[in-house]
Amino acid sequence: MVVDGSETIGAEIAYREMDLPHLRQAYELLLEEKQTLQMRVFQSEERRRAFIHILSDLNMLNRKLADQRKAMIHILADYEHDRSRLAKQTERLDNSRRALMHLLQDSHQSNLRLENSRKAMIHIMSDLKETSEEVRRRELELREKQEQLVQAGKLATLGELTTGVAHELNNPLNNIGLFIGNSIDLIELGMADTEPERILQELANAMQQVRKATEIISHLRTFGRAASVSREPMVINQVIERAISLMQEQLRLRQIEVRLEFPADDMVVIGNAIQLEQVFINLLTNARDAMSTTAHKIVTITCTQGAKWVDISVRDTGPGIPEGLEQRIFDPFFTTKEVGAGTGLGLSITYGIIKEHQGTIMVENHPGEGATFLIQLPTWLDES
């Protein structure tokens, strides 16, 4: 309510002319009007705030509507894209249907050809079975020939060892004759009752020499018999030492020194003792012949133990292998010796035996300084 200045002045004059009761009544009326005005102002402020909130909500709704409109545009674009893809897929599906019809026709033709192929395969399998049986028969014959070849090489080696073995047997036989002769002399001199202990000692010495000769003959018989195909754990050190004992006299007569470099512990491999003994006799024989013209004749055999393999090297001080022949030395009947001096089977047999033991053998050539044969054999692991 707007009041100008003249109305205010008139109201003041009117109030001055009123008495106190009327003034109080007028004051109360003014208070009521003031409260009414304040209430109207408060309600106007509330409506203004509500209007502001409504404007804010309208603004937010407008933004949401704009976002929804954009989303609708994208949906319409995706729909158009999907409709286009569907049309293309329908076209491809129709093409695939036509192709499937052609495939079914081709499949029918293929089934007819497959039936003919099956019949042909039956005939081929029958022929293959016969061929496989023939191959197995040939492999069996080949294995028998290889075993015969190994045995022939072993017998040839025994022939070469005859001189040394005869000398080894001659010593114990002479000693037996000496001890028996001493016993006979003591008995003829009438000392059987006075010195029976001496006679018993002479006879005991003779029996010891008999056992030595028996051990030599037993070793020869074991080496000479056909080796079985069985494999078992064995100490490779002992196999090498037995091979050296058979070759000892031949090596001594040719002044060849053998040096052994073995670890303190025994090295156990899986193999056949007789076959592996033949391997080392062949290598010693090869080294013996290679050092026939050298001044210092030394064969060094070294063994080392690995996690899965035992490594063995046999090194000689000969002239080495002639240049260009390193790849041929393991071929059957190949030899660098003079005609009649060798069969050419020793290293070939050695190679075959090592391969049968799942091992490897190779040669390192040092012309003028000798050759080294390197052997690997699978070790035996005690899992107990």
Protein backbone atom coordinates (compact mmCIF):
# COMPACT_ATOMS: atom_id res chain seq x y z
CA MET A 1 0.00 0.00 0.00
CA VAL A 2 1.54 3.32 -1.14
CA VAL A 3 0.79 6.49 0.81
CA ASP A 4 1.87 9.92 -0.38
CA GLY A 5 3.08 12.76 1.90
CA SER A 6 -0.16 14.68 2.17
CA GLU A 7 -2.03 11.57 3.33
CA THR A 8 0.63 10.95 5.95
CA ILE A 9 0.39 14.48 7.26
CA GLY A 10 -3.37 14.21 7.39
CA ALA A 11 -3.16 10.95 9.30
CA GLU A 12 -0.79 12.52 11.84
CA ILE A 13 -3.24 15.41 12.42
CA ALA A 14 -6.07 12.93 12.80
CA TYR A 15 -4.07 10.87 15.32
CA ARG A 16 -3.28 14.02 17.34
CA GLU A 17 -6.93 14.87 17.62
CA MET A 18 -7.84 11.30 18.86
CA ASP A 19 -7.99 10.40 22.44
CA LEU A 20 -6.02 7.54 23.96
CA PRO A 21 -8.59 4.76 23.47
CA HIS A 22 -9.00 5.61 19.86
CA LEU A 23 -5.23 5.80 19.45
CA ARG A 24 -4.84 2.32 20.89
CA GLN A 25 -7.52 1.03 18.64
CA ALA A 26 -5.85 2.66 15.65
CA TYR A 27 -2.42 1.24 16.75
CA GLU A 28 -3.84 -2.26 16.90
CA LEU A 29 -5.30 -1.83 13.46
CA LEU A 30 -1.92 -0.72 12.19
CA LEU A 31 -0.25 -3.76 13.75
CA GLU A 32 -2.78 -6.03 12.07
CA GLU A 33 -2.16 -4.34 8.75
CA LYS A 34 1.62 -4.70 9.29
CA GLN A 35 1.28 -8.42 10.02
CA THR A 36 -0.93 -8.83 7.00
CA LEU A 37 1.64 -7.05 4.85
CA GLN A 38 4.49 -9.17 6.28
CA MET A 39 2.51 -12.33 5.60
CA ARG A 40 1.93 -11.19 2.02
CA VAL A 41 5.66 -10.41 1.63
CA PHE A 42 6.58 -13.83 3.03
CA GLN A 43 4.14 -15.58 0.72
CA SER A 44 5.48 -13.57 -2.22
CA GLU A 45 9.05 -14.65 -1.31
CA GLU A 46 7.95 -18.30 -1.12
CA ARG A 47 6.25 -18.02 -4.49
CA ARG A 48 9.39 -16.40 -5.94
CA ARG A 49 11.55 -19.25 -4.62
CA ALA A 50 9.10 -21.84 -5.91
CA PHE A 51 9.11 -20.06 -9.26
CA ILE A 52 12.94 -20.18 -9.31
CA HIS A 53 12.83 -23.94 -8.57
CA ILE A 54 10.25 -24.41 -11.30
CA LEU A 55 12.47 -22.48 -13.74
CA SER A 56 15.46 -24.66 -12.72
CA ASP A 57 13.43 -27.86 -13.22
CA LEU A 58 12.22 -26.56 -16.57
CA ASN A 59 15.80 -25.86 -17.59
CA MET A 60 16.83 -29.37 -16.54
CA LEU A 61 13.90 -30.88 -18.40
CA ASN A 62 14.90 -28.93 -21.48
CA ARG A 63 18.43 -30.32 -21.26
CA LYS A 64 17.07 -33.84 -20.79
CA LEU A 65 14.78 -33.38 -23.76
CA ALA A 66 17.74 -32.20 -25.83
CA ASP A 67 19.79 -35.25 -24.78
CA GLN A 68 16.86 -37.54 -25.52
CA ARG A 69 16.46 -35.92 -28.92
CA LYS A 70 20.17 -36.56 -29.67
CA ALA A 71 19.84 -40.15 -28.43
CA MET A 72 16.77 -40.59 -30.63
CA ILE A 73 18.75 -39.32 -33.61
CA HIS A 74 21.53 -41.85 -32.86
CA ILE A 75 18.94 -44.63 -32.44
CA LEU A 76 17.40 -43.72 -35.78
CA ALA A 77 20.88 -43.71 -37.38
CA ASP A 78 21.69 -47.12 -35.83
CA TYR A 79 18.33 -48.41 -36.99
CA GLU A 80 19.04 -47.28 -40.52
CA HIS A 81 22.51 -48.86 -40.33
CA ASP A 82 21.08 -52.14 -38.97
CA ARG A 83 18.40 -52.12 -41.65
CA SER A 84 21.10 -51.74 -44.29
CA ARG A 85 23.18 -54.55 -42.73
CA LEU A 86 20.10 -56.76 -42.54
CA ALA A 87 19.47 -56.23 -46.22
CA LYS A 88 23.08 -57.16 -47.00
CA GLN A 89 22.90 -60.22 -44.72
CA THR A 90 19.70 -61.29 -46.40
CA GLU A 91 21.47 -61.04 -49.73
CA ARG A 92 24.47 -63.01 -48.44
CA LEU A 93 22.14 -65.60 -46.92
CA ASP A 94 20.47 -66.06 -50.26
CA ASN A 95 23.88 -66.45 -51.91
CA SER A 96 24.90 -68.94 -49.19
CA ARG A 97 21.73 -70.94 -49.81
CA ARG A 98 22.58 -71.17 -53.48
CA ALA A 99 26.18 -72.13 -52.63
CA LEU A 100 24.91 -74.76 -50.17
CA MET A 101 22.87 -76.32 -52.92
CA HIS A 102 25.97 -76.57 -55.07
CA LEU A 103 27.91 -77.99 -52.11
CA LEU A 104 25.29 -80.64 -51.52
CA GLN A 105 25.52 -81.64 -55.13
CA ASP A 106 29.33 -81.74 -54.90
CA SER A 107 29.08 -83.70 -51.62
CA HIS A 108 27.01 -86.33 -53.33
CA GLN A 109 29.62 -86.65 -56.03
CA SER A 110 32.36 -86.70 -53.37
CA ASN A 111 30.56 -89.51 -51.51
CA LEU A 112 30.56 -91.54 -54.68
CA ARG A 113 34.27 -90.87 -55.15
CA LEU A 114 34.89 -91.59 -51.44
CA GLU A 115 33.28 -94.98 -51.76
CA ASN A 116 35.59 -95.77 -54.64
CA SER A 117 38.53 -94.44 -52.59
CA ARG A 118 37.51 -96.59 -49.61
CA LYS A 119 37.58 -99.68 -51.76
CA ALA A 120 40.98 -98.66 -53.08
CA MET A 121 42.16 -97.98 -49.50
CA ILE A 122 41.14 -101.48 -48.44
CA HIS A 123 43.37 -102.90 -51.14
CA ILE A 124 46.17 -100.50 -50.14
CA MET A 125 45.86 -101.47 -46.44
CA SER A 126 46.05 -105.12 -47.37
CA ASP A 127 49.19 -104.43 -49.39
CA LEU A 128 50.57 -102.27 -46.55
CA LYS A 129 50.02 -105.06 -44.03
CA GLU A 130 51.92 -107.47 -46.21
CA THR A 131 54.67 -104.87 -46.69
CA SER A 132 54.87 -104.22 -42.92
CA GLU A 133 55.21 -107.92 -42.22
CA GLU A 134 57.96 -108.08 -44.82
CA VAL A 135 59.71 -105.07 -43.25
CA ARG A 136 59.52 -106.67 -39.79
CA ARG A 137 60.94 -109.88 -41.21
CA ARG A 138 63.75 -107.97 -42.88
CA GLU A 139 64.45 -106.00 -39.68
CA LEU A 140 64.64 -109.27 -37.75
CA GLU A 141 67.04 -110.68 -40.33
CA LEU A 142 69.07 -107.46 -40.22
CA ARG A 143 69.28 -107.59 -36.42
CA GLU A 144 70.39 -111.22 -36.59
CA LYS A 145 73.04 -110.29 -39.17
CA GLN A 146 74.19 -107.41 -36.97
CA GLU A 147 74.47 -109.72 -33.98
CA GLN A 148 76.41 -112.18 -36.12
CA LEU A 149 78.64 -109.33 -37.26
CA VAL A 150 79.25 -108.24 -33.67
CA GLN A 151 80.05 -111.82 -32.71
CA ALA A 152 82.41 -112.16 -35.69
CA GLY A 153 84.20 -108.98 -34.64
CA LYS A 154 84.43 -110.32 -31.10
CA LEU A 155 85.94 -113.60 -32.30
CA ALA A 156 88.40 -111.66 -34.47
CA THR A 157 89.40 -109.69 -31.39
CA LEU A 158 89.87 -112.92 -29.44
CA GLY A 159 92.14 -114.14 -32.22
CA GLU A 160 94.29 -111.03 -31.86
CA LEU A 161 94.35 -111.50 -28.07
CA THR A 162 95.60 -115.11 -28.31
CA THR A 163 99.28 -114.23 -27.93
CA GLY A 164 98.77 -112.09 -24.85
CA VAL A 165 96.38 -114.58 -23.25
CA ALA A 166 98.84 -117.44 -23.85
CA HIS A 167 101.50 -115.44 -22.06
CA GLU A 168 99.12 -114.68 -19.20
CA LEU A 169 98.31 -118.38 -18.85
CA ASN A 170 101.97 -119.39 -19.18
CA ASN A 171 102.97 -117.54 -16.01
CA PRO A 172 100.50 -119.29 -13.64
CA LEU A 173 101.20 -122.67 -15.30
CA ASN A 174 104.94 -122.25 -14.74
CA ASN A 175 104.31 -121.20 -11.15
CA ILE A 176 102.05 -124.23 -10.61
CA GLY A 177 104.78 -126.51 -11.95
CA LEU A 178 107.33 -124.85 -9.65
CA PHE A 179 105.16 -125.16 -6.51
CA ILE A 180 104.18 -128.80 -7.28
CA GLY A 181 107.85 -129.62 -7.98
CA ASN A 182 108.89 -128.16 -4.64
CA SER A 183 106.26 -130.27 -2.88
CA ILE A 184 107.45 -133.45 -4.66
CA ASP A 185 111.09 -132.70 -3.75
CA LEU A 186 110.16 -132.25 -0.09
CA ILE A 187 108.24 -135.53 -0.07
CA GLU A 188 111.09 -137.41 -1.80
CA LEU A 189 113.55 -136.02 0.73
CA GLY A 190 111.43 -137.52 3.51
CA MET A 191 110.40 -134.18 4.90
CA ALA A 192 106.66 -134.87 4.69
CA ASP A 193 106.52 -135.67 8.39
CA THR A 194 108.97 -133.03 9.56
CA GLU A 195 107.80 -130.05 7.48
CA PRO A 196 104.16 -130.69 6.51
CA GLU A 197 103.31 -126.96 6.79
CA ARG A 198 105.85 -126.07 4.10
CA ILE A 199 104.40 -128.70 1.73
CA LEU A 200 100.86 -127.39 2.41
CA GLN A 201 102.03 -123.85 1.71
CA GLU A 202 103.53 -124.91 -1.64
CA LEU A 203 100.28 -126.68 -2.58
CA ALA A 204 98.23 -123.64 -1.49
CA ASN A 205 100.40 -121.43 -3.70
CA ALA A 206 99.80 -123.83 -6.58
CA MET A 207 96.03 -123.68 -6.04
CA GLN A 208 96.17 -119.88 -6.02
CA GLN A 209 97.84 -119.97 -9.45
CA VAL A 210 95.18 -122.44 -10.64
CA ARG A 211 92.46 -120.00 -9.59
CA LYS A 212 94.24 -117.19 -11.44
CA ALA A 213 94.41 -119.27 -14.65
CA THR A 214 90.75 -120.25 -14.21
CA GLU A 215 89.78 -116.59 -13.84
CA ILE A 216 91.59 -115.71 -17.09
CA ILE A 217 89.89 -118.54 -18.99
CA SER A 218 86.50 -117.65 -17.49
CA HIS A 219 86.92 -114.04 -18.58
CA LEU A 220 87.75 -115.17 -22.12
CA ARG A 221 84.74 -117.50 -22.23
CA THR A 222 82.43 -114.75 -20.96
CA PHE A 223 83.73 -112.29 -23.53
CA GLY A 224 83.62 -114.84 -26.34
CA ARG A 225 80.03 -115.98 -25.91
CA ALA A 226 77.16 -114.25 -27.69
CA ALA A 227 75.95 -111.29 -25.66
CA SER A 228 72.31 -111.14 -24.64
CA VAL A 229 70.23 -108.08 -25.41
CA SER A 230 69.45 -107.45 -21.76
CA ARG A 231 70.37 -104.13 -20.13
CA GLU A 232 71.10 -103.72 -16.45
CA PRO A 233 72.89 -101.30 -14.11
CA MET A 234 76.67 -101.79 -14.15
CA VAL A 235 79.80 -100.00 -12.99
CA ILE A 236 81.48 -98.66 -16.14
CA ASN A 237 84.84 -98.39 -14.34
CA GLN A 238 84.96 -102.17 -13.92
CA VAL A 239 83.99 -102.78 -17.56
CA ILE A 240 86.90 -100.60 -18.74
CA GLU A 241 89.34 -102.30 -16.36
CA ARG A 242 88.30 -105.76 -17.61
CA ALA A 243 88.86 -104.66 -21.20
CA ILE A 244 92.33 -103.39 -20.26
CA SER A 245 93.15 -106.70 -18.52
CA LEU A 246 92.50 -108.59 -21.78
CA MET A 247 94.68 -106.15 -23.73
CA GLN A 248 97.32 -105.77 -21.04
CA GLU A 249 99.95 -108.11 -22.52
CA GLN A 250 99.63 -106.66 -26.03
CA LEU A 251 99.93 -103.14 -24.63
CA ARG A 252 102.93 -104.13 -22.52
CA LEU A 253 104.77 -105.73 -25.44
CA ARG A 254 104.32 -102.52 -27.45
CA GLN A 255 105.33 -100.33 -24.49
CA ILE A 256 101.97 -98.55 -24.39
CA GLU A 257 101.04 -96.83 -21.14
CA VAL A 258 97.39 -96.65 -20.11
CA ARG A 259 96.35 -93.83 -17.81
CA LEU A 260 92.97 -93.93 -16.06
CA GLU A 261 91.37 -90.75 -14.77
CA PHE A 262 88.30 -91.91 -12.85
CA PRO A 263 86.41 -90.18 -10.02
CA ALA A 264 86.49 -91.72 -6.57
CA ASP A 265 82.88 -92.95 -6.76
CA ASP A 266 81.70 -95.72 -9.06
CA MET A 267 79.85 -94.57 -12.18
CA VAL A 268 76.79 -96.70 -12.93
CA VAL A 269 75.22 -96.88 -16.41
CA ILE A 270 72.48 -98.95 -18.01
CA GLY A 271 73.91 -101.42 -20.51
CA ASN A 272 75.26 -104.82 -21.45
CA ALA A 273 78.64 -105.50 -19.87
CA ILE A 274 79.95 -107.84 -22.61
CA GLN A 275 78.99 -105.47 -25.43
CA LEU A 276 80.48 -102.43 -23.69
CA GLU A 277 83.66 -104.39 -22.94
CA GLN A 278 83.95 -105.08 -26.66
CA VAL A 279 83.58 -101.32 -27.33
CA PHE A 280 86.62 -100.48 -25.21
CA ILE A 281 88.68 -103.41 -26.54
CA ASN A 282 87.99 -102.10 -30.07
CA LEU A 283 89.02 -98.57 -29.07
CA LEU A 284 92.20 -99.85 -27.34
CA THR A 285 93.03 -101.96 -30.38
CA ASN A 286 92.50 -98.95 -32.64
CA ALA A 287 94.74 -96.80 -30.41
CA ARG A 288 97.38 -99.60 -30.28
CA ASP A 289 97.62 -99.77 -34.06
CA ALA A 290 97.54 -95.96 -34.44
CA MET A 291 100.59 -95.53 -32.16
CA SER A 292 102.76 -98.19 -33.83
CA THR A 293 105.20 -95.58 -35.17
CA THR A 294 105.13 -92.99 -32.37
CA ALA A 295 107.80 -92.60 -29.70
CA HIS A 296 105.60 -91.77 -26.72
CA LYS A 297 102.70 -94.22 -26.58
CA ILE A 298 100.05 -93.19 -24.07
CA VAL A 299 96.33 -93.97 -23.94
CA THR A 300 94.35 -91.80 -21.52
CA ILE A 301 90.82 -92.86 -20.50
CA THR A 302 88.82 -90.21 -18.65
CA CYS A 303 85.37 -90.60 -17.09
CA THR A 304 83.13 -87.90 -15.64
CA GLN A 305 79.72 -88.27 -14.02
CA GLY A 306 76.85 -85.98 -15.04
CA ALA A 307 73.20 -85.73 -14.03
CA LYS A 308 71.91 -87.84 -16.94
CA TRP A 309 75.07 -88.96 -18.76
CA VAL A 310 78.46 -90.52 -18.11
CA ASP A 311 81.07 -88.91 -20.37
CA ILE A 312 84.02 -91.12 -21.39
CA SER A 313 86.98 -90.07 -23.53
CA VAL A 314 89.67 -92.35 -24.98
CA ARG A 315 92.65 -90.31 -26.16
CA ASP A 316 95.84 -91.60 -27.83
CA THR A 317 99.12 -89.93 -28.82
CA GLY A 318 99.20 -91.28 -32.37
CA PRO A 319 99.37 -89.26 -35.61
CA GLY A 320 95.60 -88.71 -35.72
CA ILE A 321 93.13 -89.46 -38.50
CA PRO A 322 94.06 -88.42 -42.06
CA GLU A 323 92.39 -85.18 -43.14
CA GLY A 324 88.93 -85.61 -44.63
CA LEU A 325 88.34 -89.13 -43.28
CA GLU A 326 86.80 -88.22 -39.91
CA GLN A 327 83.25 -88.79 -41.21
CA ARG A 328 84.04 -92.24 -42.67
CA ILE A 329 85.79 -94.03 -39.83
CA PHE A 330 82.51 -95.50 -38.50
CA ASP A 331 81.52 -96.92 -41.91
CA PRO A 332 81.57 -100.73 -42.18
CA PHE A 333 84.71 -102.20 -43.79
CA PHE A 334 86.42 -98.80 -43.93
CA THR A 335 90.02 -98.88 -42.67
CA THR A 336 93.14 -96.75 -42.99
CA LYS A 337 95.38 -99.75 -42.32
CA GLU A 338 97.27 -101.69 -44.92
CA VAL A 339 95.56 -104.53 -46.80
CA GLY A 340 95.28 -107.57 -44.55
CA ALA A 341 96.01 -105.56 -41.39
CA GLY A 342 92.39 -104.98 -40.39
CA THR A 343 88.79 -105.84 -41.21
CA GLY A 344 87.36 -102.33 -40.95
CA LEU A 345 84.60 -103.57 -38.62
CA GLY A 346 85.90 -102.50 -35.20
CA LEU A 347 84.68 -98.88 -35.15
CA SER A 348 81.51 -99.76 -37.08
CA ILE A 349 80.60 -102.38 -34.44
CA THR A 350 81.52 -99.91 -31.70
CA TYR A 351 79.21 -97.27 -33.21
CA GLY A 352 76.32 -99.75 -33.46
CA ILE A 353 76.71 -100.93 -29.84
CA ILE A 354 76.76 -97.36 -28.49
CA LYS A 355 73.66 -96.43 -30.49
CA GLU A 356 71.83 -99.53 -29.17
CA HIS A 357 72.66 -98.30 -25.65
CA GLN A 358 70.93 -94.95 -26.43
CA GLY A 359 74.32 -93.24 -26.28
CA THR A 360 76.50 -91.19 -28.61
CA ILE A 361 80.05 -91.53 -29.92
CA MET A 362 82.09 -89.01 -31.90
CA VAL A 363 85.73 -88.35 -32.67
CA GLU A 364 87.91 -85.28 -32.20
CA ASN A 365 90.85 -85.29 -34.58
CA HIS A 366 94.14 -83.57 -33.76
CA PRO A 367 96.46 -84.22 -36.72
CA GLY A 368 99.96 -84.97 -35.47
CA GLU A 369 98.78 -85.14 -31.84
CA GLY A 370 96.35 -88.07 -31.83
CA ALA A 371 92.61 -88.70 -31.81
CA THR A 372 90.03 -88.60 -29.02
CA PHE A 373 86.87 -90.70 -29.02
CA LEU A 374 84.07 -89.15 -26.95
CA ILE A 375 81.33 -91.44 -25.63
CA GLN A 376 78.15 -90.58 -23.74
CA LEU A 377 76.13 -93.31 -21.99
CA PRO A 378 72.88 -92.80 -20.05
CA THR A 379 73.47 -92.92 -16.33
CA TRP A 380 71.46 -95.05 -13.93
CA LEU A 381 69.54 -93.15 -11.25
CA ASP A 382 68.61 -95.16 -8.18
CA GLU A 383 65.05 -93.98 -7.40
CA SER A 384 64.63 -96.31 -4.42
